[in-house]
Amino acid sequence: MISKKNLSKKDIVLTIENLFSQERIISADIKKIKRLAMSKNIKLGSLRKKFCEKCYSLFNSENSKTRIRGNFKIVRCENCNYISRWQMQRFKK
């Protein structure tokens, strides 16, 4: 990986998108992505919901459980048992 001081914001955004588009992504890569985004104050947006905040493992059907309760989506990481809660959008009828 290239040093983050030489990269522009656009380059970092492209790097982040390329890393998340790969099939196999490890927790070390996710740590690098988060560090790159924090260095240039880039918001990850919906990408931050794809990995555990504690152990940085990518959520998939093998290592996480997803439940919906009321207005919240609850994702439990099977590696570290960390629970992420995300408020879901409500649509008016």
Protein backbone atom coordinates (compact mmCIF):
# COMPACT_ATOMS: atom_id res chain seq x y z
CA MET A 1 0.00 0.00 0.00
CA ILE A 2 1.21 3.51 -0.84
CA SER A 3 1.88 5.94 1.98
CA LYS A 4 -1.21 7.92 2.88
CA LYS A 5 0.57 11.29 2.77
CA ASN A 6 1.00 11.07 -1.00
CA LEU A 7 -2.62 10.16 -1.75
CA SER A 8 -5.38 12.66 -2.44
CA LYS A 9 -8.92 12.30 -1.12
CA LYS A 10 -10.14 10.96 -4.46
CA ASP A 11 -7.37 8.34 -4.54
CA ILE A 12 -8.21 7.20 -1.03
CA VAL A 13 -11.93 6.92 -1.87
CA LEU A 14 -11.05 4.79 -4.93
CA THR A 15 -8.73 2.62 -2.82
CA ILE A 16 -11.46 2.07 -0.23
CA GLU A 17 -14.01 1.13 -2.90
CA ASN A 18 -11.56 -1.28 -4.55
CA LEU A 19 -10.73 -3.00 -1.27
CA PHE A 20 -14.40 -3.48 -0.38
CA SER A 21 -15.17 -4.86 -3.84
CA GLN A 22 -12.76 -7.78 -3.34
CA GLU A 23 -14.17 -11.19 -2.44
CA ARG A 24 -11.74 -11.92 0.37
CA ILE A 25 -11.03 -9.07 2.73
CA ILE A 26 -9.28 -9.57 6.06
CA SER A 27 -9.49 -7.56 9.25
CA ALA A 28 -6.04 -6.02 8.67
CA ASP A 29 -7.31 -4.54 5.39
CA ILE A 30 -10.37 -3.13 7.14
CA LYS A 31 -8.12 -1.50 9.76
CA LYS A 32 -6.11 0.10 6.94
CA ILE A 33 -9.30 1.31 5.28
CA LYS A 34 -10.54 2.89 8.50
CA ARG A 35 -7.18 4.51 9.19
CA LEU A 36 -7.00 5.91 5.64
CA ALA A 37 -10.52 7.31 5.91
CA MET A 38 -9.78 8.90 9.27
CA SER A 39 -6.53 10.46 8.00
CA LYS A 40 -8.33 12.54 5.36
CA ASN A 41 -11.67 12.89 7.22
CA ILE A 42 -13.60 10.71 4.74
CA LYS A 43 -16.95 9.31 5.89
CA LEU A 44 -17.42 5.61 5.25
CA GLY A 45 -21.21 5.92 5.22
CA SER A 46 -22.92 2.62 4.55
CA LEU A 47 -19.57 0.79 4.31
CA ARG A 48 -19.10 1.03 8.08
CA LYS A 49 -22.10 -1.24 8.55
CA LYS A 50 -20.33 -4.07 6.73
CA PHE A 51 -17.77 -4.83 9.45
CA CYS A 52 -17.54 -5.26 13.20
CA GLU A 53 -16.44 -2.13 15.06
CA LYS A 54 -14.52 -4.13 17.65
CA CYS A 55 -12.65 -6.91 15.81
CA TYR A 56 -12.91 -5.52 12.23
CA SER A 57 -14.17 -8.79 10.74
CA LEU A 58 -16.41 -8.51 7.71
CA PHE A 59 -20.03 -9.42 8.39
CA ASN A 60 -21.36 -12.37 6.41
CA SER A 61 -23.76 -15.24 7.01
CA GLU A 62 -21.09 -17.39 8.67
CA ASN A 63 -19.83 -15.02 11.37
CA SER A 64 -22.81 -12.82 12.23
CA LYS A 65 -26.46 -12.98 13.21
CA THR A 66 -28.91 -10.33 12.06
CA ARG A 67 -32.18 -9.58 13.77
CA ILE A 68 -34.77 -6.87 13.27
CA ARG A 69 -36.52 -5.58 16.36
CA GLY A 70 -38.86 -2.63 16.06
CA ASN A 71 -36.96 0.12 14.25
CA PHE A 72 -33.53 -1.37 14.83
CA LYS A 73 -31.37 -3.78 12.88
CA ILE A 74 -29.25 -5.73 15.37
CA VAL A 75 -26.10 -7.48 14.13
CA ARG A 76 -24.13 -9.71 16.49
CA CYS A 77 -20.56 -10.66 15.57
CA GLU A 78 -19.90 -14.35 16.22
CA ASN A 79 -16.12 -13.76 16.58
CA CYS A 80 -16.19 -11.30 19.48
CA ASN A 81 -19.93 -11.22 20.43
CA TYR A 82 -20.07 -7.44 19.85
CA ILE A 83 -23.58 -6.16 19.13
CA SER A 84 -24.13 -3.38 16.57
CA ARG A 85 -27.47 -1.62 16.50
CA TRP A 86 -28.55 0.46 13.52
CA GLN A 87 -31.74 2.47 13.38
CA MET A 88 -33.74 1.71 10.27
CA GLN A 89 -35.59 4.27 8.18
CA ARG A 90 -39.32 4.50 8.73
CA PHE A 91 -41.56 5.08 5.77
CA LYS A 92 -44.87 6.84 6.12
CA LYS A 93 -47.90 5.13 4.68
